[in-house]
Amino acid sequence: MSNTLTVTEVVNSVTVTPVNNTVNVSGVGTQGPSGATGATGATGATGATGSSGVVTVNAPITNAGTSSAANLSVSTGTTDAVGVLQLTDSVSSTSTTTAATPNSVKTAYDFANSQHALLDPISGSYYRTPTNNTILTGASTANRTYYTAIQFSKSVTLDRIAIATGSNFSGTASVRLGIFANTNGKPGALILDAGTVAPSALSTAYSITINQTLAAGVYWFANNTITAAGTNTYYGVGNNNNNNINLFGGALSTTPITSGIAGFQETYTATTAFANAGTVSANATMFLTFVRVA
């Protein structure tokens, strides 16, 4: 007579997958049943006990228990570690352990977008540095760069840069025009050397066609007389009524009318080309460079 003993291991498997982190619980064995009674009446051997289950985890899941008696949790996220973050609608919180909702981001964006005080630039319009007094004409000094600032509320593409001669201009001149970045409130790196114009008539604008895109911000627009005309006069601005004091600042004194700053100037020979702005000085009288929005 033949007897057959069959032992079947019972295996339980659990796999938990939070995002890209895993918890694996190994198979937990059970004790096998007793063997059947053989022909001689002897009892078969008892099956072996299966191995204990083992829990392994990866961050941010943590196990406060043991490998065989797990106590699992997920750690809180920080700026240095992955973890659980609570959502917040706050637009004033300084927490580093919460996450902004799309609603709070839009609230902050809408507020910021409504705060710029400048009008959007208008296509086809010329712009110059702001001034609260009338435009004047004066004699530009040769080999001197005059920087005046314009602030744009949004990204713009400029298609013209120009200068305008005064009402008593006479002769022929050569004037270089350019655009510079703003660095700590002063002219900085050269953005565009637009080339030169050759003014030869009074009360006339001379422009150069350009294609220059600028992000929102403050920029410095420059002109430099390379060769002066007999009467080398151009449209400009002076310090009357504290011209530009809100934009550039100016030390108030007992005679504030003299404290306005119209822009910056620099001694520079621009025969070949402009370079990055060097050492500039504030000046109360500046000659204007105009630009047109495409």
Protein backbone atom coordinates (compact mmCIF):
# COMPACT_ATOMS: atom_id res chain seq x y z
CA MET A 1 0.00 0.00 0.00
CA SER A 2 1.40 3.42 -0.89
CA ASN A 3 0.72 6.68 1.02
CA THR A 4 1.34 10.18 -0.41
CA LEU A 5 2.15 13.22 1.79
CA THR A 6 1.50 16.65 0.23
CA VAL A 7 2.65 19.87 2.05
CA THR A 8 1.38 23.14 0.58
CA GLU A 9 3.08 26.37 1.69
CA VAL A 10 0.64 29.29 2.17
CA VAL A 11 2.19 32.52 0.95
CA ASN A 12 0.74 35.96 1.58
CA SER A 13 2.13 38.87 -0.44
CA VAL A 14 1.41 42.63 0.06
CA THR A 15 2.83 45.34 -2.16
CA VAL A 16 2.09 48.99 -1.32
CA THR A 17 3.22 51.60 -3.83
CA PRO A 18 3.02 55.26 -2.64
CA VAL A 19 4.21 57.37 -5.60
CA ASN A 20 7.63 55.87 -6.41
CA ASN A 21 8.30 54.39 -2.97
CA THR A 22 7.55 50.76 -2.10
CA VAL A 23 6.77 48.58 0.88
CA ASN A 24 7.40 44.88 0.35
CA VAL A 25 6.19 42.22 2.78
CA SER A 26 7.86 38.86 2.15
CA GLY A 27 5.97 35.56 2.14
CA VAL A 28 4.85 34.38 5.59
CA GLY A 29 4.96 30.59 5.83
CA THR A 30 2.65 28.37 7.93
CA GLN A 31 3.40 25.08 9.60
CA GLY A 32 2.77 22.10 7.33
CA PRO A 33 0.13 19.46 8.33
CA SER A 34 1.07 16.16 9.92
CA GLY A 35 1.82 13.35 7.56
CA ALA A 36 -0.73 10.57 6.99
CA THR A 37 -0.49 7.34 8.97
CA GLY A 38 1.71 4.90 7.15
CA ALA A 39 1.25 1.17 6.64
CA THR A 40 3.07 0.41 9.83
CA GLY A 41 0.93 2.87 11.77
CA ALA A 42 3.71 5.49 12.09
CA THR A 43 2.76 9.16 11.73
CA GLY A 44 4.46 11.17 8.97
CA ALA A 45 6.86 14.04 9.87
CA THR A 46 5.40 17.47 10.60
CA GLY A 47 5.96 20.07 7.86
CA ALA A 48 8.54 22.83 8.54
CA THR A 49 7.37 26.30 9.70
CA GLY A 50 7.61 29.01 7.06
CA SER A 51 10.02 31.97 7.56
CA SER A 52 8.85 35.13 9.32
CA GLY A 53 7.61 38.00 7.15
CA VAL A 54 10.06 40.93 6.61
CA VAL A 55 8.95 44.54 5.96
CA THR A 56 11.29 46.80 3.99
CA VAL A 57 10.51 50.49 3.22
CA ASN A 58 11.96 53.44 1.32
CA ALA A 59 11.77 57.14 2.29
CA PRO A 60 9.50 59.01 2.83
CA ILE A 61 7.75 55.93 4.30
CA THR A 62 9.12 55.05 7.73
CA ASN A 63 8.68 51.99 9.96
CA ALA A 64 8.54 52.68 13.68
CA GLY A 65 8.05 48.98 14.40
CA THR A 66 10.14 45.97 13.48
CA SER A 67 10.68 44.07 10.29
CA SER A 68 8.07 41.52 11.33
CA ALA A 69 5.70 43.86 13.20
CA ALA A 70 5.53 46.97 11.07
CA ASN A 71 4.25 50.40 12.17
CA LEU A 72 4.29 52.42 8.96
CA SER A 73 3.94 56.19 8.44
CA VAL A 74 4.91 58.83 5.84
CA SER A 75 7.28 61.62 6.94
CA THR A 76 6.53 65.34 6.43
CA GLY A 77 8.19 66.92 3.43
CA THR A 78 10.73 69.72 3.83
CA THR A 79 12.89 71.77 1.50
CA ASP A 80 15.53 69.06 1.91
CA ALA A 81 13.47 65.86 1.86
CA VAL A 82 10.54 64.33 -0.03
CA GLY A 83 7.38 63.81 2.03
CA VAL A 84 3.76 64.72 2.66
CA LEU A 85 2.82 68.41 2.33
CA GLN A 86 -0.43 70.04 3.32
CA LEU A 87 -2.05 72.32 0.73
CA THR A 88 -2.75 75.92 1.69
CA ASP A 89 -4.69 78.77 0.09
CA SER A 90 -2.64 81.37 1.96
CA VAL A 91 -0.90 84.11 -0.02
CA SER A 92 1.00 85.42 3.02
CA SER A 93 2.36 82.26 4.65
CA THR A 94 6.14 81.83 4.99
CA SER A 95 5.90 78.10 5.74
CA THR A 96 8.43 75.76 4.15
CA THR A 97 6.39 72.61 4.85
CA THR A 98 3.14 73.47 3.03
CA ALA A 99 2.34 73.71 -0.67
CA ALA A 100 0.41 76.46 -2.47
CA THR A 101 -2.79 75.57 -4.26
CA PRO A 102 -3.43 76.78 -7.83
CA ASN A 103 -6.02 79.12 -6.30
CA SER A 104 -3.46 80.85 -4.05
CA VAL A 105 -0.98 81.14 -6.93
CA LYS A 106 -3.63 82.78 -9.14
CA THR A 107 -4.64 85.14 -6.32
CA ALA A 108 -1.02 86.29 -5.96
CA TYR A 109 -0.57 86.58 -9.73
CA ASP A 110 -3.75 88.60 -10.22
CA PHE A 111 -2.72 91.01 -7.46
CA ALA A 112 0.79 91.49 -8.84
CA ASN A 113 -0.51 91.91 -12.38
CA SER A 114 -2.84 94.68 -11.25
CA GLN A 115 -0.17 96.69 -9.46
CA HIS A 116 2.09 98.02 -12.25
CA ALA A 117 1.53 101.74 -12.50
CA LEU A 118 2.55 102.14 -16.12
CA LEU A 119 0.35 102.04 -19.17
CA ASP A 120 1.05 99.24 -21.61
CA PRO A 121 3.24 100.41 -24.53
CA ILE A 122 1.31 101.32 -27.67
CA SER A 123 2.35 100.00 -31.06
CA GLY A 124 3.60 102.72 -33.40
CA SER A 125 4.25 105.24 -30.60
CA TYR A 126 7.57 106.88 -29.76
CA TYR A 127 8.78 106.93 -26.14
CA ARG A 128 11.37 108.95 -24.24
CA THR A 129 12.40 109.43 -20.64
CA PRO A 130 9.56 110.91 -18.55
CA THR A 131 9.76 114.58 -17.67
CA ASN A 132 7.48 117.01 -15.89
CA ASN A 133 8.71 120.10 -17.67
CA THR A 134 8.88 121.26 -21.27
CA ILE A 135 11.39 119.91 -23.74
CA LEU A 136 14.37 122.17 -24.24
CA THR A 137 17.10 122.43 -26.87
CA GLY A 138 20.78 122.70 -26.09
CA ALA A 139 24.24 122.07 -27.43
CA SER A 140 25.44 118.48 -27.15
CA THR A 141 29.12 118.00 -26.33
CA ALA A 142 31.11 115.82 -28.71
CA ASN A 143 32.54 112.53 -27.40
CA ARG A 144 30.07 112.43 -24.54
CA THR A 145 27.40 109.75 -24.17
CA TYR A 146 24.05 110.90 -22.78
CA TYR A 147 21.95 108.18 -21.14
CA THR A 148 18.23 108.67 -20.51
CA ALA A 149 15.95 105.96 -19.10
CA ILE A 150 12.62 104.52 -20.21
CA GLN A 151 10.63 101.96 -18.24
CA PHE A 152 8.36 99.47 -20.01
CA SER A 153 5.54 97.68 -18.19
CA LYS A 154 5.73 94.59 -20.40
CA SER A 155 7.91 93.01 -23.06
CA VAL A 156 8.21 95.19 -26.17
CA THR A 157 9.81 95.03 -29.59
CA LEU A 158 11.30 98.32 -30.76
CA ASP A 159 11.58 99.14 -34.48
CA ARG A 160 13.09 102.65 -34.41
CA ILE A 161 15.64 104.59 -32.39
CA ALA A 162 16.02 108.32 -33.06
CA ILE A 163 17.33 111.73 -32.08
CA ALA A 164 15.86 115.15 -32.92
CA THR A 165 17.77 118.32 -33.79
CA GLY A 166 17.04 121.69 -32.19
CA SER A 167 15.38 124.68 -33.80
CA ASN A 168 18.73 126.43 -34.39
CA PHE A 169 20.75 123.39 -35.51
CA SER A 170 23.08 124.03 -38.44
CA GLY A 171 25.78 122.07 -40.23
CA THR A 172 26.24 118.29 -40.35
CA ALA A 173 26.90 115.93 -37.46
CA SER A 174 27.46 112.23 -36.83
CA VAL A 175 25.64 110.76 -33.84
CA ARG A 176 25.76 107.16 -32.57
CA LEU A 177 22.63 105.67 -30.92
CA GLY A 178 22.34 102.65 -28.63
CA ILE A 179 20.52 100.77 -25.86
CA PHE A 180 21.99 99.74 -22.50
CA ALA A 181 20.83 97.53 -19.65
CA ASN A 182 20.04 98.92 -16.21
CA THR A 183 22.48 97.89 -13.46
CA ASN A 184 21.82 99.13 -9.92
CA GLY A 185 20.05 102.22 -11.23
CA LYS A 186 22.72 103.16 -13.76
CA PRO A 187 23.60 102.28 -17.37
CA GLY A 188 25.31 98.89 -17.58
CA ALA A 189 25.91 96.33 -20.33
CA LEU A 190 25.48 97.30 -23.97
CA ILE A 191 22.37 95.71 -25.50
CA LEU A 192 22.38 97.29 -28.95
CA ASP A 193 24.73 99.50 -30.92
CA ALA A 194 22.24 100.79 -33.50
CA GLY A 195 24.79 102.64 -35.62
CA THR A 196 24.91 106.31 -36.57
CA VAL A 197 22.71 109.05 -38.03
CA ALA A 198 23.92 112.16 -39.84
CA PRO A 199 21.77 115.15 -38.76
CA SER A 200 21.93 118.04 -41.23
CA ALA A 201 18.72 120.04 -40.76
CA LEU A 202 17.11 121.90 -37.89
CA SER A 203 14.02 120.61 -36.05
CA THR A 204 14.24 117.21 -37.71
CA ALA A 205 14.12 113.67 -36.35
CA TYR A 206 16.74 111.19 -37.55
CA SER A 207 15.99 107.52 -36.95
CA ILE A 208 17.54 104.09 -37.45
CA THR A 209 15.45 100.98 -38.16
CA ILE A 210 16.06 98.31 -35.51
CA ASN A 211 14.48 95.05 -34.35
CA GLN A 212 15.11 94.82 -30.62
CA THR A 213 12.93 92.96 -28.11
CA LEU A 214 13.19 94.01 -24.47
CA ALA A 215 11.60 92.39 -21.42
CA ALA A 216 9.61 94.55 -19.00
CA GLY A 217 11.93 96.83 -17.03
CA VAL A 218 14.11 99.94 -17.14
CA TYR A 219 16.58 100.55 -19.97
CA TRP A 220 19.00 103.32 -20.87
CA PHE A 221 18.87 104.86 -24.34
CA ALA A 222 21.99 106.65 -25.46
CA ASN A 223 23.30 109.14 -27.98
CA ASN A 224 26.89 110.24 -28.57
CA THR A 225 27.99 113.00 -30.92
CA ILE A 226 31.02 111.69 -32.81
CA THR A 227 31.33 114.74 -35.07
CA ALA A 228 29.64 117.95 -33.96
CA ALA A 229 27.74 120.25 -36.30
CA GLY A 230 28.44 123.99 -36.34
CA THR A 231 25.46 124.50 -34.03
CA ASN A 232 25.05 121.05 -32.50
CA THR A 233 21.70 121.39 -30.71
CA TYR A 234 19.19 118.64 -29.89
CA TYR A 235 15.99 118.16 -27.94
CA GLY A 236 16.58 117.34 -24.30
CA VAL A 237 15.39 117.75 -20.73
CA GLY A 238 16.65 119.84 -17.81
CA ASN A 239 16.29 119.81 -14.05
CA ASN A 240 13.49 122.39 -13.83
CA ASN A 241 10.82 121.42 -11.30
CA ASN A 242 12.95 118.48 -10.09
CA ASN A 243 12.69 116.74 -13.41
CA ASN A 244 12.73 112.93 -13.02
CA ILE A 245 13.29 113.07 -9.28
CA ASN A 246 10.69 110.32 -8.81
CA LEU A 247 12.51 108.04 -11.24
CA PHE A 248 16.16 108.74 -10.45
CA GLY A 249 16.10 110.44 -7.06
CA GLY A 250 17.82 113.62 -6.04
CA ALA A 251 19.04 115.17 -2.79
CA LEU A 252 16.50 117.66 -1.47
CA SER A 253 18.03 120.88 -0.20
CA THR A 254 17.11 124.47 0.49
CA THR A 255 17.12 124.92 -3.30
CA PRO A 256 15.43 121.73 -4.51
CA ILE A 257 14.95 123.08 -8.01
CA THR A 258 18.63 122.33 -8.67
CA SER A 259 18.55 118.80 -7.28
CA GLY A 260 16.77 116.99 -10.10
CA ILE A 261 18.59 114.32 -12.08
CA ALA A 262 17.73 113.97 -15.76
CA GLY A 263 20.05 111.03 -16.46
CA PHE A 264 23.71 110.08 -16.68
CA GLN A 265 26.60 111.01 -18.93
CA GLU A 266 30.01 109.57 -19.72
CA THR A 267 33.01 110.83 -21.66
CA TYR A 268 33.47 108.31 -24.47
CA THR A 269 34.74 108.33 -28.04
CA ALA A 270 32.19 106.33 -30.05
CA THR A 271 33.92 106.51 -33.44
CA THR A 272 33.99 102.72 -33.88
CA ALA A 273 31.20 101.42 -31.63
CA PHE A 274 29.68 101.60 -28.19
CA ALA A 275 31.04 99.44 -25.37
CA ASN A 276 29.50 98.62 -22.00
CA ALA A 277 28.89 101.74 -19.93
CA GLY A 278 31.84 102.74 -17.78
CA THR A 279 32.07 105.40 -15.09
CA VAL A 280 29.02 107.61 -15.41
CA SER A 281 27.98 110.77 -13.59
CA ALA A 282 24.53 112.18 -12.90
CA ASN A 283 23.56 115.26 -14.83
CA ALA A 284 20.65 117.67 -14.73
CA THR A 285 20.57 118.34 -18.49
CA MET A 286 20.34 115.45 -20.95
CA PHE A 287 19.73 115.05 -24.68
CA LEU A 288 16.95 112.66 -25.53
CA THR A 289 17.03 109.40 -27.44
CA PHE A 290 13.60 108.30 -28.69
CA VAL A 291 12.42 104.76 -29.46
CA ARG A 292 9.33 103.48 -31.24
CA VAL A 293 7.31 100.38 -30.29
CA ALA A 294 6.69 98.04 -33.22
